[in-house]
């Protein structure tokens, strides 16, 4: 079984660690986590007994077969410089840092280093992440499949070319924030019409969850599913018209484009 090491345990790192630790894909004794402050990592060890904690980047790089860099983009050069001598030909380095390209990572290691660029999102915490997988030329098809399986263990994962990474950032990497805003707005509308706040959030969140599952599980076009809800002269078409009048689609498209453009310029 592969030993997996996380360098960094911020929001994204913790979401992935928790998501992976909750599955049966890995023995927890083969899961390593490195952070600057060991005390901040203690809750993970308490929740998932067996996880290996360390404050030494070099120690983690020596122990792990797969090294996941879950740190801020600006710290990537420092981290890779520290562990470069530990990167044997069999180790795989995974970066989840936005805006850091495979070429950037290779320039800090070597072109022979096995590098995979991954863009997950925070729903990993509840086993519903969406992750893109982009390997460099040194990663074999079998290794790519292993990485995809790891990330699919706490959600879904797809292999995509790096040229599509900006689009991935906009549509899944950043979009949980847009969806939370949508749920909050739905709930506000329900509260305006008298529904208690706690029930409003529950109704709104479950509606979004159910709609998303229908898209994934039926395979039907979202427009067709929308039409199934939209009766002639009914309440839904009235709401749809209001959304269109307010530029709903354009606002969402512009948000995805803005996130993609920001990632491209980082």
Protein backbone atom coordinates (compact mmCIF):
# COMPACT_ATOMS: atom_id res chain seq x y z
CA UNK A 1 0.00 0.00 0.00
CA UNK A 2 1.27 3.45 -0.92
CA UNK A 3 2.28 5.81 1.87
CA UNK A 4 0.66 9.22 1.36
CA UNK A 5 2.06 12.38 2.91
CA UNK A 6 0.43 15.81 3.12
CA UNK A 7 2.61 18.88 3.46
CA UNK A 8 0.23 21.52 4.78
CA UNK A 9 -3.02 21.10 6.68
CA UNK A 10 -4.99 24.25 5.97
CA UNK A 11 -8.62 24.26 4.84
CA UNK A 12 -8.02 22.34 1.61
CA UNK A 13 -5.41 20.01 3.09
CA UNK A 14 -7.58 19.17 6.09
CA UNK A 15 -10.59 18.52 3.86
CA UNK A 16 -8.58 16.03 1.78
CA UNK A 17 -6.99 14.40 4.83
CA UNK A 18 -10.36 13.93 6.52
CA UNK A 19 -11.93 12.68 3.30
CA UNK A 20 -9.18 10.12 2.74
CA UNK A 21 -8.98 9.05 6.38
CA UNK A 22 -12.70 8.28 6.42
CA UNK A 23 -12.36 5.77 3.58
CA UNK A 24 -10.97 2.26 3.63
CA UNK A 25 -8.55 3.05 0.79
CA UNK A 26 -5.57 3.50 3.07
CA UNK A 27 -4.34 2.20 6.40
CA UNK A 28 -4.09 5.28 8.60
CA UNK A 29 -0.57 4.32 9.66
CA UNK A 30 0.38 5.02 6.02
CA UNK A 31 -1.06 8.53 6.13
CA UNK A 32 1.44 11.26 7.09
CA UNK A 33 0.70 14.92 7.80
CA UNK A 34 3.26 17.70 8.14
CA UNK A 35 2.52 21.13 9.58
CA UNK A 36 4.47 23.92 11.22
CA UNK A 37 2.56 23.63 14.50
CA UNK A 38 2.09 20.10 15.82
CA UNK A 39 -0.61 21.26 18.26
CA UNK A 40 -2.84 22.36 15.36
CA UNK A 41 -2.59 18.86 13.92
CA UNK A 42 -3.60 17.11 17.14
CA UNK A 43 -7.37 17.17 16.38
CA UNK A 44 -6.68 15.09 13.26
CA UNK A 45 -4.73 12.53 15.27
CA UNK A 46 -7.48 12.42 17.89
CA UNK A 47 -10.21 11.95 15.28
CA UNK A 48 -8.30 9.47 13.12
CA UNK A 49 -6.06 7.41 15.36
CA UNK A 50 -3.01 6.04 13.60
CA UNK A 51 -2.24 9.08 11.42
CA UNK A 52 1.45 9.99 11.55
CA UNK A 53 2.19 13.63 12.43
CA UNK A 54 5.43 15.51 11.93
CA UNK A 55 6.78 19.04 11.66
CA UNK A 56 9.67 17.95 9.42
CA UNK A 57 9.13 18.33 5.68
CA UNK A 58 12.25 16.29 5.01
CA UNK A 59 11.10 13.44 7.25
CA UNK A 60 7.72 13.28 5.52
CA UNK A 61 9.31 13.33 2.05
CA UNK A 62 11.56 10.45 3.04
CA UNK A 63 8.67 8.34 4.39
CA UNK A 64 5.94 8.97 1.81
CA UNK A 65 5.59 7.44 -1.65
CA UNK A 66 3.09 10.09 -2.72
CA UNK A 67 3.73 13.64 -1.48
CA UNK A 68 0.81 16.07 -1.65
CA UNK A 69 1.76 19.75 -1.51
CA UNK A 70 -1.22 21.46 0.09
CA UNK A 71 0.44 24.81 0.78
CA UNK A 72 0.08 28.37 -0.47
CA UNK A 73 1.45 28.85 -4.00
CA UNK A 74 4.15 31.27 -2.86
CA UNK A 75 5.65 28.64 -0.52
CA UNK A 76 6.02 25.94 -3.20
CA UNK A 77 9.62 26.94 -4.14
CA UNK A 78 10.74 26.79 -0.50
CA UNK A 79 9.08 23.43 0.09
CA UNK A 80 10.40 21.77 -3.07
CA UNK A 81 13.90 23.10 -2.48
CA UNK A 82 13.81 21.52 0.99
CA UNK A 83 12.77 18.07 -0.23
CA UNK A 84 14.39 17.95 -3.69
CA UNK A 85 17.13 15.57 -2.54
CA UNK A 86 14.50 13.20 -1.10
CA UNK A 87 12.63 12.81 -4.38
CA UNK A 88 13.71 9.43 -5.69
CA UNK A 89 12.55 8.31 -9.13
CA UNK A 90 9.66 6.31 -7.67
CA UNK A 91 8.10 9.09 -5.61
CA UNK A 92 5.16 11.10 -6.91
CA UNK A 93 4.71 14.79 -6.10
CA UNK A 94 1.17 16.16 -6.22
CA UNK A 95 0.49 19.89 -6.13
CA UNK A 96 -2.94 21.37 -5.39
CA UNK A 97 -1.64 24.96 -5.49
CA UNK A 98 -3.64 27.24 -7.79
CA UNK A 99 -1.65 28.96 -10.50
CA UNK A 100 1.46 26.76 -10.15
CA UNK A 101 2.01 24.96 -13.46
CA UNK A 102 3.69 21.64 -14.11
CA UNK A 103 6.49 23.57 -15.82
CA UNK A 104 6.93 25.63 -12.64
CA UNK A 105 7.14 22.45 -10.56
CA UNK A 106 9.58 20.77 -12.95
CA UNK A 107 11.84 23.83 -12.85
CA UNK A 108 12.08 23.37 -9.07
CA UNK A 109 12.81 19.63 -9.33
CA UNK A 110 13.66 17.85 -12.58
CA UNK A 111 11.74 16.82 -15.68
CA UNK A 112 12.21 13.23 -14.55
CA UNK A 113 10.36 13.87 -11.29
CA UNK A 114 6.88 12.38 -11.30
CA UNK A 115 4.55 15.36 -10.90
CA UNK A 116 0.76 15.52 -10.86
CA UNK A 117 -1.19 18.74 -10.72
CA UNK A 118 -4.55 18.29 -8.99
CA UNK A 119 -7.36 20.73 -8.37
CA UNK A 120 -9.78 19.38 -5.73
CA UNK A 121 -12.37 21.33 -3.78
CA UNK A 122 -13.42 21.51 -0.14
CA UNK A 123 -16.44 19.16 -0.36
CA UNK A 124 -13.73 16.49 0.04
CA UNK A 125 -14.57 16.95 3.71
CA UNK A 126 -17.91 15.18 3.19
CA UNK A 127 -16.76 12.75 0.51
CA UNK A 128 -18.11 14.81 -2.40
CA UNK A 129 -15.04 16.50 -3.90
CA UNK A 130 -14.56 17.13 -7.61
CA UNK A 131 -10.89 16.81 -8.55
CA UNK A 132 -9.04 17.27 -11.83
CA UNK A 133 -5.92 15.16 -12.38
CA UNK A 134 -3.09 16.32 -14.67
CA UNK A 135 0.11 14.23 -14.73
CA UNK A 136 3.41 15.18 -16.34
CA UNK A 137 5.22 12.97 -18.85
CA UNK A 138 7.10 10.99 -16.20
CA UNK A 139 3.93 9.62 -14.60
CA UNK A 140 2.80 6.29 -16.02
CA UNK A 141 -0.77 5.41 -16.94
CA UNK A 142 -0.87 3.00 -14.00
CA UNK A 143 0.32 5.71 -11.60
CA UNK A 144 -2.24 8.15 -13.00
CA UNK A 145 -4.92 5.56 -12.31
CA UNK A 146 -3.69 5.17 -8.72
CA UNK A 147 -3.82 8.94 -8.15
CA UNK A 148 -7.27 9.16 -9.72
CA UNK A 149 -8.48 6.34 -7.47
CA UNK A 150 -7.11 8.11 -4.38
CA UNK A 151 -8.94 11.34 -5.15
CA UNK A 152 -12.08 9.50 -6.27
CA UNK A 153 -12.20 7.87 -2.82
CA UNK A 154 -13.61 11.13 -1.44
CA UNK A 155 -15.64 12.29 -4.41
CA UNK A 156 -15.16 12.19 -8.16
CA UNK A 157 -11.99 12.69 -10.21
CA UNK A 158 -11.28 13.20 -13.90
CA UNK A 159 -8.02 13.34 -15.86
CA UNK A 160 -7.82 16.59 -17.85
CA UNK A 161 -5.05 18.35 -19.83
CA UNK A 162 -3.37 21.25 -18.09
CA UNK A 163 -4.69 23.63 -20.75
CA UNK A 164 -8.15 23.24 -19.17
CA UNK A 165 -7.03 23.95 -15.61
CA UNK A 166 -8.27 27.55 -15.62
CA UNK A 167 -11.74 26.34 -16.59
CA UNK A 168 -11.61 23.69 -13.86
CA UNK A 169 -10.78 26.34 -11.27
CA UNK A 170 -13.79 28.39 -12.31
CA UNK A 171 -16.33 25.58 -12.55
CA UNK A 172 -15.39 23.40 -9.55
CA UNK A 173 -12.36 24.69 -7.65
CA UNK A 174 -13.96 27.98 -6.64
CA UNK A 175 -17.63 27.24 -7.24
CA UNK A 176 -18.53 25.85 -3.81
CA UNK A 177 -18.38 29.50 -2.69
CA UNK A 178 -20.89 30.51 -5.38
CA UNK A 179 -23.18 27.66 -4.38
CA UNK A 180 -23.05 28.63 -0.70
CA UNK A 181 -24.03 32.16 -1.71
CA UNK A 182 -26.91 30.74 -3.76
CA UNK A 183 -28.10 28.61 -0.83
CA UNK A 184 -27.88 31.61 1.48
CA UNK A 185 -29.88 33.73 -1.00
CA UNK A 186 -32.51 31.00 -1.38
CA UNK A 187 -32.84 30.81 2.38
CA UNK A 188 -33.12 34.61 2.66
CA UNK A 189 -35.97 34.52 0.17
CA UNK A 190 -37.73 31.82 2.20
CA UNK A 191 -37.23 33.77 5.42
CA UNK A 192 -38.72 36.83 3.71
CA UNK A 193 -41.80 34.69 3.13
CA UNK A 194 -42.00 33.54 6.74
CA UNK A 195 -40.00 30.30 6.91
CA UNK A 196 -37.80 30.01 10.03
CA UNK A 197 -34.09 30.46 9.30
CA UNK A 198 -32.97 26.95 10.31
CA UNK A 199 -35.63 25.32 8.16
CA UNK A 200 -34.90 27.71 5.28
CA UNK A 201 -31.26 26.58 5.12
CA UNK A 202 -32.29 22.93 5.26
CA UNK A 203 -34.87 23.27 2.50
CA UNK A 204 -32.49 25.27 0.30
CA UNK A 205 -29.45 23.02 0.79
CA UNK A 206 -31.42 19.82 0.22
CA UNK A 207 -32.97 21.24 -2.95
CA UNK A 208 -29.50 22.04 -4.32
CA UNK A 209 -28.17 18.61 -3.31
CA UNK A 210 -31.12 16.82 -4.91
CA UNK A 211 -30.90 18.81 -8.13
CA UNK A 212 -27.16 18.10 -8.44
CA UNK A 213 -27.71 14.37 -7.88
CA UNK A 214 -30.35 14.32 -10.61
CA UNK A 215 -27.89 15.83 -13.09
CA UNK A 216 -25.21 13.28 -12.19
CA UNK A 217 -27.38 10.20 -11.85
CA UNK A 218 -29.90 10.66 -14.68
CA UNK A 219 -27.42 11.89 -17.27
CA UNK A 220 -30.10 14.23 -18.60
CA UNK A 221 -29.27 17.70 -19.84
CA UNK A 222 -29.81 20.29 -17.07
CA UNK A 223 -32.12 22.22 -19.40
CA UNK A 224 -34.37 19.17 -19.78
CA UNK A 225 -34.49 18.69 -16.01
CA UNK A 226 -35.37 22.38 -15.63
CA UNK A 227 -38.20 21.97 -18.13
CA UNK A 228 -39.58 19.04 -16.09
CA UNK A 229 -40.08 21.41 -13.14
CA UNK A 230 -41.34 24.34 -15.19
CA UNK A 231 -45.10 23.99 -15.76
CA UNK A 232 -46.88 26.38 -18.16
CA UNK A 233 -48.06 29.48 -16.33
CA UNK A 234 -46.77 28.14 -13.00
CA UNK A 235 -44.66 29.41 -10.13
CA UNK A 236 -41.35 28.06 -11.44
CA UNK A 237 -41.46 29.78 -14.83
CA UNK A 238 -42.32 33.02 -13.02
CA UNK A 239 -39.18 32.58 -10.89
CA UNK A 240 -37.08 31.63 -13.94
CA UNK A 241 -38.19 34.80 -15.73
CA UNK A 242 -37.23 36.86 -12.69
CA UNK A 243 -33.77 35.27 -12.63
CA UNK A 244 -33.29 35.90 -16.35
CA UNK A 245 -34.43 39.51 -15.93
CA UNK A 246 -31.70 39.92 -13.30
CA UNK A 247 -28.99 38.43 -15.52
CA UNK A 248 -28.62 35.21 -13.51
CA UNK A 249 -26.90 33.15 -16.23
CA UNK A 250 -24.59 35.99 -17.24
CA UNK A 251 -23.61 36.61 -13.63
CA UNK A 252 -22.65 32.94 -13.14
CA UNK A 253 -20.77 32.75 -16.45
CA UNK A 254 -18.90 35.95 -15.57
CA UNK A 255 -17.98 34.51 -12.16
CA UNK A 256 -16.51 31.37 -13.72
CA UNK A 257 -14.62 33.50 -16.23
CA UNK A 258 -13.30 35.80 -13.49
CA UNK A 259 -11.97 32.85 -11.46
CA UNK A 260 -10.39 31.30 -14.56
CA UNK A 261 -8.74 34.58 -15.54
CA UNK A 262 -7.39 35.12 -12.02
CA UNK A 263 -5.87 31.64 -11.99
CA UNK A 264 -4.31 32.25 -15.40
CA UNK A 265 -2.66 35.45 -14.13
CA UNK A 266 -1.38 34.09 -10.81
